[in-house]
C-alpha cells in the first residue's frame, strides 16, 4: 500500500481467525482469496479496511456470509453451536498473506 496506516485493536477484533480447511486452501490456490471468521457485526467495508491495515495488502473485494450453527446432541442433551460470519477476501494481483509464518 502507498500510505501505511497502523492497525488498531478494532481491526484485530474484526478479524477473528483464518479458516484453514481443504476448501479454503483450494480457493486460495485457484483465485488468491483468503477466508476469515470475522465479527458478526462487521460490514464488508470494515473487513476490507481491517485486512488492508493488519496484513498491509490491497484488497480487491470481500464476500461475506453468516453460517448458522448446527444442532448437536452431547451426552444426551440437545445443544447448538454458535453462529458465525465468514468473509472471503480476494486480494489484488501481486499481494499475498503469509498465514503459516511463525507457527
PDB file of N, CA and C in Angstrom:
ATOM      1  N   UNK A   1       0.830  -1.180   0.000  1.00  0.00           N
ATOM      2  CA  UNK A   1       0.000   0.000   0.000  1.00  0.00           C
ATOM      3  C   UNK A   1       0.864   1.230   0.000  1.00  0.00           C
ATOM      4  N   UNK A   2       0.326   2.320  -0.497  1.00  0.00           N
ATOM      5  CA  UNK A   2       1.107   3.534  -0.624  1.00  0.00           C
ATOM      6  C   UNK A   2       1.346   4.188   0.735  1.00  0.00           C
ATOM      7  N   UNK A   3       0.296   4.506   1.485  1.00  0.00           N
ATOM      8  CA  UNK A   3       0.466   5.107   2.792  1.00  0.00           C
ATOM      9  C   UNK A   3       0.107   4.106   3.870  1.00  0.00           C
ATOM     10  N   UNK A   4       1.103   3.677   4.633  1.00  0.00           N
ATOM     11  CA  UNK A   4       0.854   2.638   5.624  1.00  0.00           C
ATOM     12  C   UNK A   4       0.197   3.249   6.845  1.00  0.00           C
ATOM     13  N   UNK A   5      -0.968   2.676   7.218  1.00  0.00           N
ATOM     14  CA  UNK A   5      -1.688   3.103   8.407  1.00  0.00           C
ATOM     15  C   UNK A   5      -1.616   1.957   9.400  1.00  0.00           C
ATOM     16  N   UNK A   6      -1.281   2.268  10.639  1.00  0.00           N
ATOM     17  CA  UNK A   6      -1.117   1.226  11.649  1.00  0.00           C
ATOM     18  C   UNK A   6      -2.459   0.597  11.995  1.00  0.00           C
ATOM     19  N   UNK A   7      -2.431  -0.690  12.246  1.00  0.00           N
ATOM     20  CA  UNK A   7      -3.638  -1.423  12.626  1.00  0.00           C
ATOM     21  C   UNK A   7      -4.014  -1.080  14.061  1.00  0.00           C
ATOM     22  N   UNK A   8      -5.308  -0.977  14.311  1.00  0.00           N
ATOM     23  CA  UNK A   8      -5.806  -0.675  15.646  1.00  0.00           C
ATOM     24  C   UNK A   8      -6.323  -1.953  16.296  1.00  0.00           C
ATOM     25  N   UNK A   9      -6.664  -1.858  17.558  1.00  0.00           N
ATOM     26  CA  UNK A   9      -7.203  -3.036  18.249  1.00  0.00           C
ATOM     27  C   UNK A   9      -8.566  -3.412  17.674  1.00  0.00           C
ATOM     28  N   UNK A  10      -9.310  -2.452  17.125  1.00  0.00           N
ATOM     29  CA  UNK A  10     -10.604  -2.742  16.491  1.00  0.00           C
ATOM     30  C   UNK A  10     -10.404  -3.633  15.263  1.00  0.00           C
ATOM     31  N   UNK A  11      -9.319  -3.422  14.521  1.00  0.00           N
ATOM     32  CA  UNK A  11      -9.026  -4.260  13.352  1.00  0.00           C
ATOM     33  C   UNK A  11      -8.816  -5.716  13.761  1.00  0.00           C
ATOM     34  N   UNK A  12      -8.141  -5.924  14.886  1.00  0.00           N
ATOM     35  CA  UNK A  12      -7.910  -7.286  15.368  1.00  0.00           C
ATOM     36  C   UNK A  12      -9.184  -7.896  15.941  1.00  0.00           C
ATOM     37  N   UNK A  13     -10.121  -7.058  16.400  1.00  0.00           N
ATOM     38  CA  UNK A  13     -11.416  -7.570  16.861  1.00  0.00           C
ATOM     39  C   UNK A  13     -12.289  -7.981  15.689  1.00  0.00           C
ATOM     40  N   UNK A  14     -12.162  -7.310  14.557  1.00  0.00           N
ATOM     41  CA  UNK A  14     -12.960  -7.631  13.368  1.00  0.00           C
ATOM     42  C   UNK A  14     -12.522  -8.965  12.790  1.00  0.00           C
ATOM     43  N   UNK A  15     -11.219  -9.174  12.622  1.00  0.00           N
ATOM     44  CA  UNK A  15     -10.693 -10.419  12.054  1.00  0.00           C
ATOM     45  C   UNK A  15     -10.439 -11.373  13.209  1.00  0.00           C
ATOM     46  N   UNK A  16     -11.273 -12.394  13.331  1.00  0.00           N
ATOM     47  CA  UNK A  16     -11.138 -13.333  14.440  1.00  0.00           C
ATOM     48  C   UNK A  16     -10.034 -14.351  14.181  1.00  0.00           C
ATOM     49  N   UNK A  17     -10.133 -15.068  13.050  1.00  0.00           N
ATOM     50  CA  UNK A  17      -9.133 -16.105  12.750  1.00  0.00           C
ATOM     51  C   UNK A  17      -9.262 -16.510  11.287  1.00  0.00           C
ATOM     52  N   UNK A  18      -8.197 -17.030  10.705  1.00  0.00           N
ATOM     53  CA  UNK A  18      -8.301 -17.563   9.347  1.00  0.00           C
ATOM     54  C   UNK A  18      -8.951 -18.940   9.361  1.00  0.00           C
ATOM     55  N   UNK A  19      -9.592 -19.295   8.266  1.00  0.00           N
ATOM     56  CA  UNK A  19     -10.191 -20.622   8.116  1.00  0.00           C
ATOM     57  C   UNK A  19      -9.227 -21.457   7.285  1.00  0.00           C
ATOM     58  N   UNK A  20      -8.699 -22.514   7.879  1.00  0.00           N
ATOM     59  CA  UNK A  20      -7.743 -23.369   7.198  1.00  0.00           C
ATOM     60  C   UNK A  20      -8.376 -24.739   6.974  1.00  0.00           C
ATOM     61  N   UNK A  21      -9.139 -24.874   5.897  1.00  0.00           N
ATOM     62  CA  UNK A  21      -9.759 -26.133   5.528  1.00  0.00           C
ATOM     63  C   UNK A  21      -9.322 -26.495   4.118  1.00  0.00           C
ATOM     64  N   UNK A  22      -9.694 -27.680   3.676  1.00  0.00           N
ATOM     65  CA  UNK A  22      -9.346 -28.083   2.314  1.00  0.00           C
ATOM     66  C   UNK A  22      -9.996 -27.152   1.293  1.00  0.00           C
ATOM     67  N   UNK A  23     -11.246 -26.803   1.539  1.00  0.00           N
ATOM     68  CA  UNK A  23     -11.963 -25.953   0.603  1.00  0.00           C
ATOM     69  C   UNK A  23     -11.355 -24.552   0.542  1.00  0.00           C
ATOM     70  N   UNK A  24     -10.995 -23.969   1.686  1.00  0.00           N
ATOM     71  CA  UNK A  24     -10.403 -22.637   1.672  1.00  0.00           C
ATOM     72  C   UNK A  24      -9.011 -22.657   1.038  1.00  0.00           C
ATOM     73  N   UNK A  25      -8.288 -23.757   1.177  1.00  0.00           N
ATOM     74  CA  UNK A  25      -6.972 -23.879   0.546  1.00  0.00           C
ATOM     75  C   UNK A  25      -7.111 -23.955  -0.974  1.00  0.00           C
ATOM     76  N   UNK A  26      -8.136 -24.671  -1.454  1.00  0.00           N
ATOM     77  CA  UNK A  26      -8.371 -24.734  -2.901  1.00  0.00           C
ATOM     78  C   UNK A  26      -8.754 -23.364  -3.454  1.00  0.00           C
ATOM     79  N   UNK A  27      -9.553 -22.612  -2.700  1.00  0.00           N
ATOM     80  CA  UNK A  27      -9.930 -21.257  -3.130  1.00  0.00           C
ATOM     81  C   UNK A  27      -8.693 -20.373  -3.193  1.00  0.00           C
ATOM     82  N   UNK A  28      -7.800 -20.506  -2.225  1.00  0.00           N
ATOM     83  CA  UNK A  28      -6.569 -19.723  -2.197  1.00  0.00           C
ATOM     84  C   UNK A  28      -5.697 -20.015  -3.405  1.00  0.00           C
ATOM     85  N   UNK A  29      -5.508 -21.296  -3.725  1.00  0.00           N
ATOM     86  CA  UNK A  29      -4.653 -21.668  -4.851  1.00  0.00           C
ATOM     87  C   UNK A  29      -5.254 -21.243  -6.183  1.00  0.00           C
ATOM     88  N   UNK A  30      -6.573 -21.296  -6.284  1.00  0.00           N
ATOM     89  CA  UNK A  30      -7.238 -21.006  -7.552  1.00  0.00           C
ATOM     90  C   UNK A  30      -7.386 -19.513  -7.824  1.00  0.00           C
ATOM     91  N   UNK A  31      -7.732 -18.724  -6.790  1.00  0.00           N
ATOM     92  CA  UNK A  31      -8.089 -17.330  -7.074  1.00  0.00           C
ATOM     93  C   UNK A  31      -7.472 -16.306  -6.136  1.00  0.00           C
ATOM     94  N   UNK A  32      -6.462 -16.652  -5.356  1.00  0.00           N
ATOM     95  CA  UNK A  32      -5.791 -15.714  -4.455  1.00  0.00           C
ATOM     96  C   UNK A  32      -6.787 -15.066  -3.493  1.00  0.00           C
ATOM     97  N   UNK A  33      -7.678 -15.881  -2.930  1.00  0.00           N
ATOM     98  CA  UNK A  33      -8.663 -15.401  -1.962  1.00  0.00           C
ATOM     99  C   UNK A  33      -8.439 -16.110  -0.633  1.00  0.00           C
ATOM    100  N   UNK A  34      -8.603 -15.385   0.454  1.00  0.00           N
ATOM    101  CA  UNK A  34      -8.404 -15.914   1.793  1.00  0.00           C
ATOM    102  C   UNK A  34      -9.733 -15.895   2.530  1.00  0.00           C
ATOM    103  N   UNK A  35      -9.929 -16.866   3.416  1.00  0.00           N
ATOM    104  CA  UNK A  35     -11.177 -16.983   4.163  1.00  0.00           C
ATOM    105  C   UNK A  35     -10.889 -16.718   5.633  1.00  0.00           C
ATOM    106  N   UNK A  36     -11.699 -15.835   6.243  1.00  0.00           N
ATOM    107  CA  UNK A  36     -11.551 -15.480   7.649  1.00  0.00           C
ATOM    108  C   UNK A  36     -12.887 -15.580   8.353  1.00  0.00           C
ATOM    109  N   UNK A  37     -12.853 -15.906   9.642  1.00  0.00           N
ATOM    110  CA  UNK A  37     -14.017 -15.748  10.501  1.00  0.00           C
ATOM    111  C   UNK A  37     -13.917 -14.339  11.054  1.00  0.00           C
ATOM    112  N   UNK A  38     -14.995 -13.557  10.893  1.00  0.00           N
ATOM    113  CA  UNK A  38     -14.973 -12.153  11.289  1.00  0.00           C
ATOM    114  C   UNK A  38     -16.096 -11.877  12.281  1.00  0.00           C
ATOM    115  N   UNK A  39     -16.080 -10.692  12.851  1.00  0.00           N
ATOM    116  CA  UNK A  39     -17.109 -10.252  13.783  1.00  0.00           C
ATOM    117  C   UNK A  39     -18.460 -10.218  13.079  1.00  0.00           C
ATOM    118  N   UNK A  40     -19.518 -10.674  13.763  1.00  0.00           N
ATOM    119  CA  UNK A  40     -20.833 -10.759  13.125  1.00  0.00           C
ATOM    120  C   UNK A  40     -21.400  -9.391  12.752  1.00  0.00           C
ATOM    121  N   UNK A  41     -20.979  -8.342  13.432  1.00  0.00           N
ATOM    122  CA  UNK A  41     -21.495  -7.001  13.151  1.00  0.00           C
ATOM    123  C   UNK A  41     -20.655  -6.228  12.143  1.00  0.00           C
ATOM    124  N   UNK A  42     -19.565  -6.808  11.662  1.00  0.00           N
ATOM    125  CA  UNK A  42     -18.665  -6.119  10.733  1.00  0.00           C
ATOM    126  C   UNK A  42     -19.264  -6.102   9.324  1.00  0.00           C
ATOM    127  N   UNK A  43     -19.124  -4.967   8.644  1.00  0.00           N
ATOM    128  CA  UNK A  43     -19.578  -4.849   7.259  1.00  0.00           C
ATOM    129  C   UNK A  43     -18.434  -5.227   6.330  1.00  0.00           C
ATOM    130  N   UNK A  44     -18.742  -5.316   5.034  1.00  0.00           N
ATOM    131  CA  UNK A  44     -17.699  -5.632   4.056  1.00  0.00           C
ATOM    132  C   UNK A  44     -16.622  -4.558   4.041  1.00  0.00           C
ATOM    133  N   UNK A  45     -17.024  -3.301   4.196  1.00  0.00           N
ATOM    134  CA  UNK A  45     -16.061  -2.200   4.231  1.00  0.00           C
ATOM    135  C   UNK A  45     -15.151  -2.303   5.448  1.00  0.00           C
ATOM    136  N   UNK A  46     -15.717  -2.667   6.602  1.00  0.00           N
ATOM    137  CA  UNK A  46     -14.917  -2.856   7.815  1.00  0.00           C
ATOM    138  C   UNK A  46     -13.885  -3.965   7.623  1.00  0.00           C
ATOM    139  N   UNK A  47     -14.324  -5.083   7.038  1.00  0.00           N
ATOM    140  CA  UNK A  47     -13.423  -6.224   6.826  1.00  0.00           C
ATOM    141  C   UNK A  47     -12.313  -5.845   5.859  1.00  0.00           C
ATOM    142  N   UNK A  48     -12.662  -5.156   4.785  1.00  0.00           N
ATOM    143  CA  UNK A  48     -11.662  -4.742   3.795  1.00  0.00           C
ATOM    144  C   UNK A  48     -10.602  -3.846   4.432  1.00  0.00           C
ATOM    145  N   UNK A  49     -11.031  -2.848   5.187  1.00  0.00           N
ATOM    146  CA  UNK A  49     -10.084  -1.945   5.833  1.00  0.00           C
ATOM    147  C   UNK A  49      -9.210  -2.652   6.855  1.00  0.00           C
ATOM    148  N   UNK A  50      -9.798  -3.563   7.628  1.00  0.00           N
ATOM    149  CA  UNK A  50      -9.037  -4.273   8.653  1.00  0.00           C
ATOM    150  C   UNK A  50      -7.971  -5.171   8.027  1.00  0.00           C
ATOM    151  N   UNK A  51      -8.333  -5.897   6.964  1.00  0.00           N
ATOM    152  CA  UNK A  51      -7.360  -6.778   6.304  1.00  0.00           C
ATOM    153  C   UNK A  51      -6.241  -5.946   5.680  1.00  0.00           C
ATOM    154  N   UNK A  52      -6.579  -4.817   5.066  1.00  0.00           N
ATOM    155  CA  UNK A  52      -5.546  -3.971   4.454  1.00  0.00           C
ATOM    156  C   UNK A  52      -4.587  -3.420   5.498  1.00  0.00           C
ATOM    157  N   UNK A  53      -5.099  -3.025   6.663  1.00  0.00           N
ATOM    158  CA  UNK A  53      -4.227  -2.456   7.692  1.00  0.00           C
ATOM    159  C   UNK A  53      -3.421  -3.524   8.427  1.00  0.00           C
ATOM    160  N   UNK A  54      -4.027  -4.661   8.744  1.00  0.00           N
ATOM    161  CA  UNK A  54      -3.334  -5.690   9.529  1.00  0.00           C
ATOM    162  C   UNK A  54      -2.251  -6.381   8.702  1.00  0.00           C
ATOM    163  N   UNK A  55      -2.573  -6.753   7.453  1.00  0.00           N
ATOM    164  CA  UNK A  55      -1.637  -7.529   6.643  1.00  0.00           C
ATOM    165  C   UNK A  55      -0.885  -6.689   5.619  1.00  0.00           C
ATOM    166  N   UNK A  56      -1.175  -5.399   5.504  1.00  0.00           N
ATOM    167  CA  UNK A  56      -0.516  -4.478   4.571  1.00  0.00           C
ATOM    168  C   UNK A  56      -0.595  -4.999   3.133  1.00  0.00           C
ATOM    169  N   UNK A  57      -1.821  -5.260   2.667  1.00  0.00           N
ATOM    170  CA  UNK A  57      -2.095  -5.728   1.313  1.00  0.00           C
ATOM    171  C   UNK A  57      -3.209  -4.880   0.716  1.00  0.00           C
ATOM    172  N   UNK A  58      -3.451  -5.044  -0.591  1.00  0.00           N
ATOM    173  CA  UNK A  58      -4.555  -4.355  -1.258  1.00  0.00           C
ATOM    174  C   UNK A  58      -5.643  -5.380  -1.548  1.00  0.00           C
ATOM    175  N   UNK A  59      -6.860  -5.072  -1.103  1.00  0.00           N
ATOM    176  CA  UNK A  59      -7.994  -5.979  -1.248  1.00  0.00           C
ATOM    177  C   UNK A  59      -8.799  -5.583  -2.477  1.00  0.00           C
ATOM    178  N   UNK A  60      -9.155  -6.586  -3.297  1.00  0.00           N
ATOM    179  CA  UNK A  60      -9.977  -6.347  -4.479  1.00  0.00           C
ATOM    180  C   UNK A  60     -11.451  -6.290  -4.092  1.00  0.00           C
ATOM    181  N   UNK A  61     -11.963  -7.339  -3.451  1.00  0.00           N
ATOM    182  CA  UNK A  61     -13.341  -7.325  -2.971  1.00  0.00           C
ATOM    183  C   UNK A  61     -13.508  -8.310  -1.823  1.00  0.00           C
ATOM    184  N   UNK A  62     -14.647  -8.194  -1.137  1.00  0.00           N
ATOM    185  CA  UNK A  62     -14.951  -9.040   0.017  1.00  0.00           C
ATOM    186  C   UNK A  62     -16.360  -9.597  -0.152  1.00  0.00           C
ATOM    187  N   UNK A  63     -16.514 -10.905   0.052  1.00  0.00           N
ATOM    188  CA  UNK A  63     -17.826 -11.547   0.120  1.00  0.00           C
ATOM    189  C   UNK A  63     -18.013 -12.071   1.527  1.00  0.00           C
ATOM    190  N   UNK A  64     -19.220 -11.896   2.087  1.00  0.00           N
ATOM    191  CA  UNK A  64     -19.489 -12.372   3.431  1.00  0.00           C
ATOM    192  C   UNK A  64     -20.724 -13.260   3.443  1.00  0.00           C
ATOM    193  N   UNK A  65     -20.793 -14.138   4.436  1.00  0.00           N
ATOM    194  CA  UNK A  65     -21.991 -14.944   4.668  1.00  0.00           C
ATOM    195  C   UNK A  65     -22.055 -15.281   6.146  1.00  0.00           C
ATOM    196  N   UNK A  66     -23.275 -15.408   6.650  1.00  0.00           N
ATOM    197  CA  UNK A  66     -23.481 -15.808   8.034  1.00  0.00           C
ATOM    198  C   UNK A  66     -23.771 -17.297   8.038  1.00  0.00           C
ATOM    199  N   UNK A  67     -22.929 -18.057   8.730  1.00  0.00           N
ATOM    200  CA  UNK A  67     -23.073 -19.506   8.814  1.00  0.00           C
ATOM    201  C   UNK A  67     -23.820 -19.832  10.098  1.00  0.00           C
ATOM    202  N   UNK A  68     -24.934 -20.510   9.958  1.00  0.00           N
ATOM    203  CA  UNK A  68     -25.758 -20.866  11.102  1.00  0.00           C
ATOM    204  C   UNK A  68     -25.145 -22.059  11.830  1.00  0.00           C
ATOM    205  N   UNK A  69     -25.189 -22.035  13.160  1.00  0.00           N
ATOM    206  CA  UNK A  69     -24.658 -23.122  13.963  1.00  0.00           C
ATOM    207  C   UNK A  69     -25.512 -24.366  13.875  1.00  0.00           C
ATOM    208  N   UNK A  70     -24.868 -25.510  13.927  1.00  0.00           N
ATOM    209  CA  UNK A  70     -25.578 -26.789  13.837  1.00  0.00           C
ATOM    210  C   UNK A  70     -26.139 -27.173  15.204  1.00  0.00           C
ATOM    211  N   UNK A  71     -27.239 -27.922  15.175  1.00  0.00           N
ATOM    212  CA  UNK A  71     -27.780 -28.516  16.399  1.00  0.00           C
ATOM    213  C   UNK A  71     -27.052 -29.846  16.624  1.00  0.00           C
ATOM    214  N   UNK A  72     -26.580 -30.045  17.830  1.00  0.00           N
ATOM    215  CA  UNK A  72     -25.828 -31.248  18.168  1.00  0.00           C
ATOM    216  C   UNK A  72     -26.355 -31.842  19.463  1.00  0.00           C
ATOM    217  N   UNK A  73     -26.174 -33.144  19.619  1.00  0.00           N
ATOM    218  CA  UNK A  73     -26.510 -33.821  20.854  1.00  0.00           C
ATOM    219  C   UNK A  73     -25.204 -34.213  21.528  1.00  0.00           C
ATOM    220  N   UNK A  74     -25.027 -33.785  22.778  1.00  0.00           N
ATOM    221  CA  UNK A  74     -23.815 -34.074  23.527  1.00  0.00           C
ATOM    222  C   UNK A  74     -24.213 -34.658  24.878  1.00  0.00           C
ATOM    223  N   UNK A  75     -23.834 -35.910  25.099  1.00  0.00           N
ATOM    224  CA  UNK A  75     -24.164 -36.632  26.337  1.00  0.00           C
ATOM    225  C   UNK A  75     -25.674 -36.626  26.600  1.00  0.00           C
ATOM    226  N   UNK A  76     -26.443 -36.806  25.539  1.00  0.00           N
ATOM    227  CA  UNK A  76     -27.887 -36.891  25.673  1.00  0.00           C
ATOM    228  C   UNK A  76     -28.604 -35.565  25.785  1.00  0.00           C
ATOM    229  N   UNK A  77     -27.888 -34.471  25.730  1.00  0.00           N
ATOM    230  CA  UNK A  77     -28.500 -33.147  25.832  1.00  0.00           C
ATOM    231  C   UNK A  77     -28.409 -32.438  24.494  1.00  0.00           C
ATOM    232  N   UNK A  78     -29.474 -31.752  24.145  1.00  0.00           N
ATOM    233  CA  UNK A  78     -29.510 -31.021  22.886  1.00  0.00           C
ATOM    234  C   UNK A  78     -28.787 -29.689  23.049  1.00  0.00           C
ATOM    235  N   UNK A  79     -27.915 -29.377  22.113  1.00  0.00           N
ATOM    236  CA  UNK A  79     -27.181 -28.119  22.151  1.00  0.00           C
ATOM    237  C   UNK A  79     -27.105 -27.520  20.763  1.00  0.00           C
ATOM    238  N   UNK A  80     -26.517 -26.333  20.661  1.00  0.00           N
ATOM    239  CA  UNK A  80     -26.389 -25.652  19.378  1.00  0.00           C
ATOM    240  C   UNK A  80     -25.048 -24.946  19.334  1.00  0.00           C
ATOM    241  N   UNK A  81     -24.358 -25.115  18.215  1.00  0.00           N
ATOM    242  CA  UNK A  81     -23.109 -24.386  18.019  1.00  0.00           C
ATOM    243  C   UNK A  81     -23.428 -22.931  17.712  1.00  0.00           C
ATOM    244  N   UNK A  82     -22.488 -22.054  17.945  1.00  0.00           N
ATOM    245  CA  UNK A  82     -22.695 -20.630  17.718  1.00  0.00           C
ATOM    246  C   UNK A  82     -22.724 -20.302  16.229  1.00  0.00           C
ATOM    247  N   UNK A  83     -23.527 -19.290  15.861  1.00  0.00           N
ATOM    248  CA  UNK A  83     -23.495 -18.757  14.506  1.00  0.00           C
ATOM    249  C   UNK A  83     -22.215 -17.935  14.353  1.00  0.00           C
ATOM    250  N   UNK A  84     -21.695 -17.852  13.118  1.00  0.00           N
ATOM    251  CA  UNK A  84     -20.521 -17.025  12.877  1.00  0.00           C
ATOM    252  C   UNK A  84     -20.592 -16.442  11.472  1.00  0.00           C
ATOM    253  N   UNK A  85     -19.830 -15.392  11.262  1.00  0.00           N
ATOM    254  CA  UNK A  85     -19.773 -14.739   9.960  1.00  0.00           C
ATOM    255  C   UNK A  85     -18.439 -15.064   9.314  1.00  0.00           C
ATOM    256  N   UNK A  86     -18.494 -15.450   8.040  1.00  0.00           N
ATOM    257  CA  UNK A  86     -17.310 -15.827   7.291  1.00  0.00           C
ATOM    258  C   UNK A  86     -17.116 -14.820   6.168  1.00  0.00           C
ATOM    259  N   UNK A  87     -15.875 -14.419   5.928  1.00  0.00           N
ATOM    260  CA  UNK A  87     -15.563 -13.469   4.862  1.00  0.00           C
ATOM    261  C   UNK A  87     -14.524 -14.074   3.930  1.00  0.00           C
ATOM    262  N   UNK A  88     -14.800 -14.005   2.622  1.00  0.00           N
ATOM    263  CA  UNK A  88     -13.842 -14.420   1.606  1.00  0.00           C
ATOM    264  C   UNK A  88     -13.246 -13.135   1.036  1.00  0.00           C
ATOM    265  N   UNK A  89     -11.943 -12.964   1.235  1.00  0.00           N
ATOM    266  CA  UNK A  89     -11.254 -11.731   0.853  1.00  0.00           C
ATOM    267  C   UNK A  89     -10.378 -12.017  -0.354  1.00  0.00           C
ATOM    268  N   UNK A  90     -10.681 -11.388  -1.480  1.00  0.00           N
ATOM    269  CA  UNK A  90      -9.904 -11.547  -2.725  1.00  0.00           C
ATOM    270  C   UNK A  90      -8.895 -10.413  -2.787  1.00  0.00           C
ATOM    271  N   UNK A  91      -7.626 -10.764  -2.928  1.00  0.00           N
ATOM    272  CA  UNK A  91      -6.559  -9.772  -2.999  1.00  0.00           C
ATOM    273  C   UNK A  91      -6.260  -9.400  -4.438  1.00  0.00           C
ATOM    274  N   UNK A  92      -5.749  -8.184  -4.626  1.00  0.00           N
ATOM    275  CA  UNK A  92      -5.321  -7.756  -5.959  1.00  0.00           C
ATOM    276  C   UNK A  92      -4.064  -8.528  -6.343  1.00  0.00           C
ATOM    277  N   UNK A  93      -3.795  -8.580  -7.635  1.00  0.00           N
ATOM    278  CA  UNK A  93      -2.632  -9.315  -8.139  1.00  0.00           C
ATOM    279  C   UNK A  93      -1.342  -8.796  -7.512  1.00  0.00           C
ATOM    280  N   UNK A  94      -0.469  -9.718  -7.164  1.00  0.00           N
ATOM    281  CA  UNK A  94       0.820  -9.355  -6.588  1.00  0.00           C
ATOM    282  C   UNK A  94       0.804  -9.277  -5.077  1.00  0.00           C
ATOM    283  N   UNK A  95      -0.351  -9.379  -4.441  1.00  0.00           N
ATOM    284  CA  UNK A  95      -0.440  -9.331  -2.982  1.00  0.00           C
ATOM    285  C   UNK A  95      -0.567 -10.747  -2.434  1.00  0.00           C
ATOM    286  N   UNK A  96      -0.047 -10.935  -1.223  1.00  0.00           N
ATOM    287  CA  UNK A  96      -0.033 -12.268  -0.612  1.00  0.00           C
ATOM    288  C   UNK A  96      -0.016 -12.113   0.895  1.00  0.00           C
ATOM    289  N   UNK A  97      -0.700 -13.020   1.582  1.00  0.00           N
ATOM    290  CA  UNK A  97      -0.704 -13.047   3.036  1.00  0.00           C
ATOM    291  C   UNK A  97      -0.022 -14.336   3.491  1.00  0.00           C
ATOM    292  N   UNK A  98       0.918 -14.221   4.418  1.00  0.00           N
ATOM    293  CA  UNK A  98       1.609 -15.383   4.956  1.00  0.00           C
ATOM    294  C   UNK A  98       0.908 -15.787   6.249  1.00  0.00           C
ATOM    295  N   UNK A  99      -0.019 -16.750   6.156  1.00  0.00           N
ATOM    296  CA  UNK A  99      -0.775 -17.178   7.330  1.00  0.00           C
ATOM    297  C   UNK A  99      -0.015 -18.168   8.185  1.00  0.00           C
ATOM    298  N   UNK A 100       0.839 -18.982   7.607  1.00  0.00           N
ATOM    299  CA  UNK A 100       1.536 -20.023   8.353  1.00  0.00           C
ATOM    300  C   UNK A 100       2.866 -19.604   8.928  1.00  0.00           C
ATOM    301  N   UNK A 101       3.242 -18.340   8.814  1.00  0.00           N
ATOM    302  CA  UNK A 101       4.541 -17.886   9.296  1.00  0.00           C
ATOM    303  C   UNK A 101       4.517 -17.805  10.818  1.00  0.00           C
ATOM    304  N   UNK A 102       5.547 -18.359  11.445  1.00  0.00           N
ATOM    305  CA  UNK A 102       5.667 -18.273  12.893  1.00  0.00           C
ATOM    306  C   UNK A 102       4.901 -19.348  13.637  1.00  0.00           C
ATOM    307  N   UNK A 103       4.394 -20.352  12.926  1.00  0.00           N
ATOM    308  CA  UNK A 103       3.622 -21.400  13.597  1.00  0.00           C
ATOM    309  C   UNK A 103       4.542 -22.530  13.974  1.00  0.00           C
TER     310      UNK A 103
END
